Amino acid sequence: MTDPTEGTAVYAALAAAVTDVLESMFFVEAQGETHATPDDPAVAVEIHFEGDPPGRFQMRLAPKTAQAIAADFLGQDSTELVERQCEDVALELANMICGAVLSRLESSAYFRLGSPKIIEAAALSVESVMTTFTLETGNGRLTAAIQMERRTCHAPAQYAF
């Protein structure tokens, strides 16, 4: 039986993680929730993770958003940045958000995050099975999505001997 509140909890954790990481680590104030536009050009990142439960995290940023976030994070003028710097900051941003989501959802579980990878925006598979949150940053959109595999059974809270 599926817990009907599980999707709501994942969405809340994803939204909170995106907002908190952007504001505290990247000095970007969220302008409000919006809808994704998957046909726009984007810097796209994917992270696979192992743990209880395993899954994957994806993030897409409009190029202008990636550039503005990288400039703020690196303390440089956005016109001086090269594409690789924007990608490196996007990888770090995805890593931080993914870790923050997992910590909020499964604080007592151990996770091993794979290396974040830049992927083709067309390869993003923000499917109906993924929980998705899209945010307007003032410089464009950021979409984060997470899919966690379903547990087949829950571990007991205590062991009886």
C-alpha atoms as a PDB file:
ATOM      1  CA  MET A   1       0.000   0.000   0.000  1.00  0.00           C
ATOM      2  CA  THR A   2       1.334   3.431  -0.923  1.00  0.00           C
ATOM      3  CA  ASP A   3       1.484   6.156   1.699  1.00  0.00           C
ATOM      4  CA  PRO A   4      -0.525   9.083   0.222  1.00  0.00           C
ATOM      5  CA  THR A   5       1.536  11.634   2.155  1.00  0.00           C
ATOM      6  CA  GLU A   6       4.840  10.347   0.753  1.00  0.00           C
ATOM      7  CA  GLY A   7       4.620  12.430  -2.448  1.00  0.00           C
ATOM      8  CA  THR A   8       3.745  15.542  -0.461  1.00  0.00           C
ATOM      9  CA  ALA A   9       6.697  14.999   1.898  1.00  0.00           C
ATOM     10  CA  VAL A  10       9.114  14.548  -1.012  1.00  0.00           C
ATOM     11  CA  TYR A  11       7.802  17.679  -2.727  1.00  0.00           C
ATOM     12  CA  ALA A  12       8.063  19.720   0.490  1.00  0.00           C
ATOM     13  CA  ALA A  13      11.629  18.500   1.099  1.00  0.00           C
ATOM     14  CA  LEU A  14      12.617  19.242  -2.508  1.00  0.00           C
ATOM     15  CA  ALA A  15      11.116  22.748  -2.450  1.00  0.00           C
ATOM     16  CA  ALA A  16      12.719  23.565   0.906  1.00  0.00           C
ATOM     17  CA  ALA A  17      16.121  22.208  -0.142  1.00  0.00           C
ATOM     18  CA  VAL A  18      16.165  24.163  -3.416  1.00  0.00           C
ATOM     19  CA  THR A  19      15.163  27.405  -1.712  1.00  0.00           C
ATOM     20  CA  ASP A  20      17.483  26.997   1.283  1.00  0.00           C
ATOM     21  CA  VAL A  21      20.566  26.035  -0.752  1.00  0.00           C
ATOM     22  CA  LEU A  22      20.034  28.832  -3.272  1.00  0.00           C
ATOM     23  CA  GLU A  23      19.591  31.443  -0.568  1.00  0.00           C
ATOM     24  CA  SER A  24      22.261  30.330   1.900  1.00  0.00           C
ATOM     25  CA  MET A  25      25.045  29.118  -0.398  1.00  0.00           C
ATOM     26  CA  PHE A  26      24.465  30.950  -3.678  1.00  0.00           C
ATOM     27  CA  PHE A  27      22.920  34.239  -2.499  1.00  0.00           C
ATOM     28  CA  VAL A  28      19.961  33.811  -4.858  1.00  0.00           C
ATOM     29  CA  GLU A  29      16.535  34.832  -3.613  1.00  0.00           C
ATOM     30  CA  ALA A  30      13.673  32.745  -4.925  1.00  0.00           C
ATOM     31  CA  GLN A  31      11.119  34.785  -6.855  1.00  0.00           C
ATOM     32  CA  GLY A  32       8.400  32.140  -6.589  1.00  0.00           C
ATOM     33  CA  GLU A  33       7.299  28.790  -7.871  1.00  0.00           C
ATOM     34  CA  THR A  34       6.568  28.479 -11.585  1.00  0.00           C
ATOM     35  CA  HIS A  35       6.143  25.822 -14.272  1.00  0.00           C
ATOM     36  CA  ALA A  36       8.947  24.065 -16.128  1.00  0.00           C
ATOM     37  CA  THR A  37       9.515  24.758 -19.799  1.00  0.00           C
ATOM     38  CA  PRO A  38      11.439  21.695 -21.000  1.00  0.00           C
ATOM     39  CA  ASP A  39      11.937  22.944 -24.559  1.00  0.00           C
ATOM     40  CA  ASP A  40      14.122  25.885 -23.509  1.00  0.00           C
ATOM     41  CA  PRO A  41      17.927  25.540 -23.697  1.00  0.00           C
ATOM     42  CA  ALA A  42      19.368  24.411 -20.396  1.00  0.00           C
ATOM     43  CA  VAL A  43      22.363  23.322 -18.398  1.00  0.00           C
ATOM     44  CA  ALA A  44      21.280  19.902 -17.135  1.00  0.00           C
ATOM     45  CA  VAL A  45      22.756  17.816 -14.313  1.00  0.00           C
ATOM     46  CA  GLU A  46      22.036  14.293 -13.077  1.00  0.00           C
ATOM     47  CA  ILE A  47      23.132  12.483  -9.921  1.00  0.00           C
ATOM     48  CA  HIS A  48      22.445   8.844  -9.102  1.00  0.00           C
ATOM     49  CA  PHE A  49      22.503   7.882  -5.436  1.00  0.00           C
ATOM     50  CA  GLU A  50      22.587   4.640  -3.489  1.00  0.00           C
ATOM     51  CA  GLY A  51      21.055   4.136  -0.089  1.00  0.00           C
ATOM     52  CA  ASP A  52      17.738   3.357   1.478  1.00  0.00           C
ATOM     53  CA  PRO A  53      16.069   4.088  -0.876  1.00  0.00           C
ATOM     54  CA  PRO A  54      18.270   4.562  -3.962  1.00  0.00           C
ATOM     55  CA  GLY A  55      17.302   6.887  -6.781  1.00  0.00           C
ATOM     56  CA  ARG A  56      18.326   9.801  -8.950  1.00  0.00           C
ATOM     57  CA  PHE A  57      18.256  13.561  -8.920  1.00  0.00           C
ATOM     58  CA  GLN A  58      18.068  15.857 -11.937  1.00  0.00           C
ATOM     59  CA  MET A  59      18.327  19.598 -12.295  1.00  0.00           C
ATOM     60  CA  ARG A  60      18.014  21.975 -15.217  1.00  0.00           C
ATOM     61  CA  LEU A  61      18.922  25.649 -15.326  1.00  0.00           C
ATOM     62  CA  ALA A  62      18.372  28.192 -18.023  1.00  0.00           C
ATOM     63  CA  PRO A  63      21.842  29.237 -19.282  1.00  0.00           C
ATOM     64  CA  LYS A  64      21.282  32.792 -17.994  1.00  0.00           C
ATOM     65  CA  THR A  65      20.350  31.349 -14.580  1.00  0.00           C
ATOM     66  CA  ALA A  66      23.458  29.149 -14.483  1.00  0.00           C
ATOM     67  CA  GLN A  67      25.624  32.151 -15.373  1.00  0.00           C
ATOM     68  CA  ALA A  68      24.072  34.407 -12.708  1.00  0.00           C
ATOM     69  CA  ILE A  69      24.335  31.738  -9.997  1.00  0.00           C
ATOM     70  CA  ALA A  70      27.965  30.996 -10.928  1.00  0.00           C
ATOM     71  CA  ALA A  71      28.847  34.701 -10.851  1.00  0.00           C
ATOM     72  CA  ASP A  72      27.287  35.122  -7.397  1.00  0.00           C
ATOM     73  CA  PHE A  73      28.924  31.967  -6.049  1.00  0.00           C
ATOM     74  CA  LEU A  74      32.369  32.726  -7.465  1.00  0.00           C
ATOM     75  CA  GLY A  75      32.212  36.463  -6.766  1.00  0.00           C
ATOM     76  CA  GLN A  76      32.926  37.346 -10.387  1.00  0.00           C
ATOM     77  CA  ASP A  77      31.261  39.417 -13.042  1.00  0.00           C
ATOM     78  CA  SER A  78      29.001  37.197 -15.154  1.00  0.00           C
ATOM     79  CA  THR A  79      30.554  38.509 -18.380  1.00  0.00           C
ATOM     80  CA  GLU A  80      33.959  37.155 -17.304  1.00  0.00           C
ATOM     81  CA  LEU A  81      32.799  33.584 -16.769  1.00  0.00           C
ATOM     82  CA  VAL A  82      33.457  30.774 -19.207  1.00  0.00           C
ATOM     83  CA  GLU A  83      30.963  27.971 -19.831  1.00  0.00           C
ATOM     84  CA  ARG A  84      33.004  25.441 -17.811  1.00  0.00           C
ATOM     85  CA  GLN A  85      32.792  27.622 -14.693  1.00  0.00           C
ATOM     86  CA  CYS A  86      29.008  27.789 -15.024  1.00  0.00           C
ATOM     87  CA  GLU A  87      28.845  24.005 -15.434  1.00  0.00           C
ATOM     88  CA  ASP A  88      31.120  23.392 -12.429  1.00  0.00           C
ATOM     89  CA  VAL A  89      28.946  25.586 -10.217  1.00  0.00           C
ATOM     90  CA  ALA A  90      25.810  23.854 -11.551  1.00  0.00           C
ATOM     91  CA  LEU A  91      27.358  20.487 -10.590  1.00  0.00           C
ATOM     92  CA  GLU A  92      28.068  21.752  -7.078  1.00  0.00           C
ATOM     93  CA  LEU A  93      24.591  23.257  -6.766  1.00  0.00           C
ATOM     94  CA  ALA A  94      22.979  19.952  -7.783  1.00  0.00           C
ATOM     95  CA  ASN A  95      25.163  18.061  -5.315  1.00  0.00           C
ATOM     96  CA  MET A  96      24.165  20.375  -2.458  1.00  0.00           C
ATOM     97  CA  ILE A  97      20.460  20.287  -3.282  1.00  0.00           C
ATOM     98  CA  CYS A  98      20.408  16.495  -3.678  1.00  0.00           C
ATOM     99  CA  GLY A  99      22.181  16.042  -0.332  1.00  0.00           C
ATOM    100  CA  ALA A 100      19.833  18.504   1.361  1.00  0.00           C
ATOM    101  CA  VAL A 101      16.728  16.728   0.024  1.00  0.00           C
ATOM    102  CA  LEU A 102      17.965  13.315   1.143  1.00  0.00           C
ATOM    103  CA  SER A 103      18.889  14.666   4.591  1.00  0.00           C
ATOM    104  CA  ARG A 104      15.409  16.104   5.004  1.00  0.00           C
ATOM    105  CA  LEU A 105      13.673  12.907   3.903  1.00  0.00           C
ATOM    106  CA  GLU A 106      15.866  10.221   5.404  1.00  0.00           C
ATOM    107  CA  SER A 107      17.935  11.811   8.155  1.00  0.00           C
ATOM    108  CA  SER A 108      18.943   8.481   9.694  1.00  0.00           C
ATOM    109  CA  ALA A 109      19.790   6.713   6.422  1.00  0.00           C
ATOM    110  CA  TYR A 110      23.179   6.607   4.747  1.00  0.00           C
ATOM    111  CA  PHE A 111      23.453   7.635   1.112  1.00  0.00           C
ATOM    112  CA  ARG A 112      26.274   7.528  -1.361  1.00  0.00           C
ATOM    113  CA  LEU A 113      25.918  10.139  -4.052  1.00  0.00           C
ATOM    114  CA  GLY A 114      27.466   9.475  -7.415  1.00  0.00           C
ATOM    115  CA  SER A 115      29.401  12.198  -9.159  1.00  0.00           C
ATOM    116  CA  PRO A 116      27.130  14.839 -10.622  1.00  0.00           C
ATOM    117  CA  LYS A 117      27.299  14.840 -14.415  1.00  0.00           C
ATOM    118  CA  ILE A 118      26.366  17.386 -17.040  1.00  0.00           C
ATOM    119  CA  ILE A 119      23.927  15.739 -19.436  1.00  0.00           C
ATOM    120  CA  GLU A 120      22.194  16.857 -22.589  1.00  0.00           C
ATOM    121  CA  ALA A 121      19.026  18.746 -21.719  1.00  0.00           C
ATOM    122  CA  ALA A 122      17.161  16.474 -24.139  1.00  0.00           C
ATOM    123  CA  ALA A 123      18.271  13.489 -22.018  1.00  0.00           C
ATOM    124  CA  LEU A 124      16.422  14.779 -18.972  1.00  0.00           C
ATOM    125  CA  SER A 125      13.648  12.437 -18.073  1.00  0.00           C
ATOM    126  CA  VAL A 126      11.510  14.492 -15.754  1.00  0.00           C
ATOM    127  CA  GLU A 127       8.790  11.892 -15.842  1.00  0.00           C
ATOM    128  CA  SER A 128       5.573  11.595 -13.947  1.00  0.00           C
ATOM    129  CA  VAL A 129       7.369   9.268 -11.499  1.00  0.00           C
ATOM    130  CA  MET A 130       9.704  12.080 -10.480  1.00  0.00           C
ATOM    131  CA  THR A 131       8.778  14.725  -7.948  1.00  0.00           C
ATOM    132  CA  THR A 132       9.515  18.082  -9.582  1.00  0.00           C
ATOM    133  CA  PHE A 133       9.873  21.629  -8.288  1.00  0.00           C
ATOM    134  CA  THR A 134      10.451  24.650 -10.561  1.00  0.00           C
ATOM    135  CA  LEU A 135      11.472  28.026  -9.256  1.00  0.00           C
ATOM    136  CA  GLU A 136      11.910  31.461 -10.844  1.00  0.00           C
ATOM    137  CA  THR A 137      15.188  33.038  -9.735  1.00  0.00           C
ATOM    138  CA  GLY A 138      14.875  36.451 -11.315  1.00  0.00           C
ATOM    139  CA  ASN A 139      17.412  35.356 -13.943  1.00  0.00           C
ATOM    140  CA  GLY A 140      15.425  32.399 -15.260  1.00  0.00           C
ATOM    141  CA  ARG A 141      14.094  29.080 -14.112  1.00  0.00           C
ATOM    142  CA  LEU A 142      15.603  26.263 -12.119  1.00  0.00           C
ATOM    143  CA  THR A 143      13.898  22.872 -12.116  1.00  0.00           C
ATOM    144  CA  ALA A 144      14.890  20.133  -9.669  1.00  0.00           C
ATOM    145  CA  ALA A 145      13.465  16.611  -9.748  1.00  0.00           C
ATOM    146  CA  ILE A 146      14.015  13.514  -7.646  1.00  0.00           C
ATOM    147  CA  GLN A 147      12.968   9.909  -8.006  1.00  0.00           C
ATOM    148  CA  MET A 148      13.404   7.513  -5.139  1.00  0.00           C
ATOM    149  CA  GLU A 149      12.817   3.823  -5.659  1.00  0.00           C
ATOM    150  CA  ARG A 150      10.008   2.335  -3.627  1.00  0.00           C
ATOM    151  CA  ARG A 151      10.924   0.315  -0.612  1.00  0.00           C
ATOM    152  CA  THR A 152       9.683  -3.229  -0.656  1.00  0.00           C
ATOM    153  CA  CYS A 153       9.611  -3.394   3.136  1.00  0.00           C
ATOM    154  CA  HIS A 154      10.495  -1.146   6.036  1.00  0.00           C
ATOM    155  CA  ALA A 155      13.351  -1.982   8.358  1.00  0.00           C
ATOM    156  CA  PRO A 156      12.258  -2.549  11.954  1.00  0.00           C
ATOM    157  CA  ALA A 157      12.923   0.355  14.307  1.00  0.00           C
ATOM    158  CA  GLN A 158      14.488  -1.964  16.878  1.00  0.00           C
ATOM    159  CA  TYR A 159      15.902  -5.458  16.826  1.00  0.00           C
ATOM    160  CA  ALA A 160      14.521  -8.076  19.188  1.00  0.00           C
ATOM    161  CA  PHE A 161      17.000 -10.554  20.626  1.00  0.00           C
END
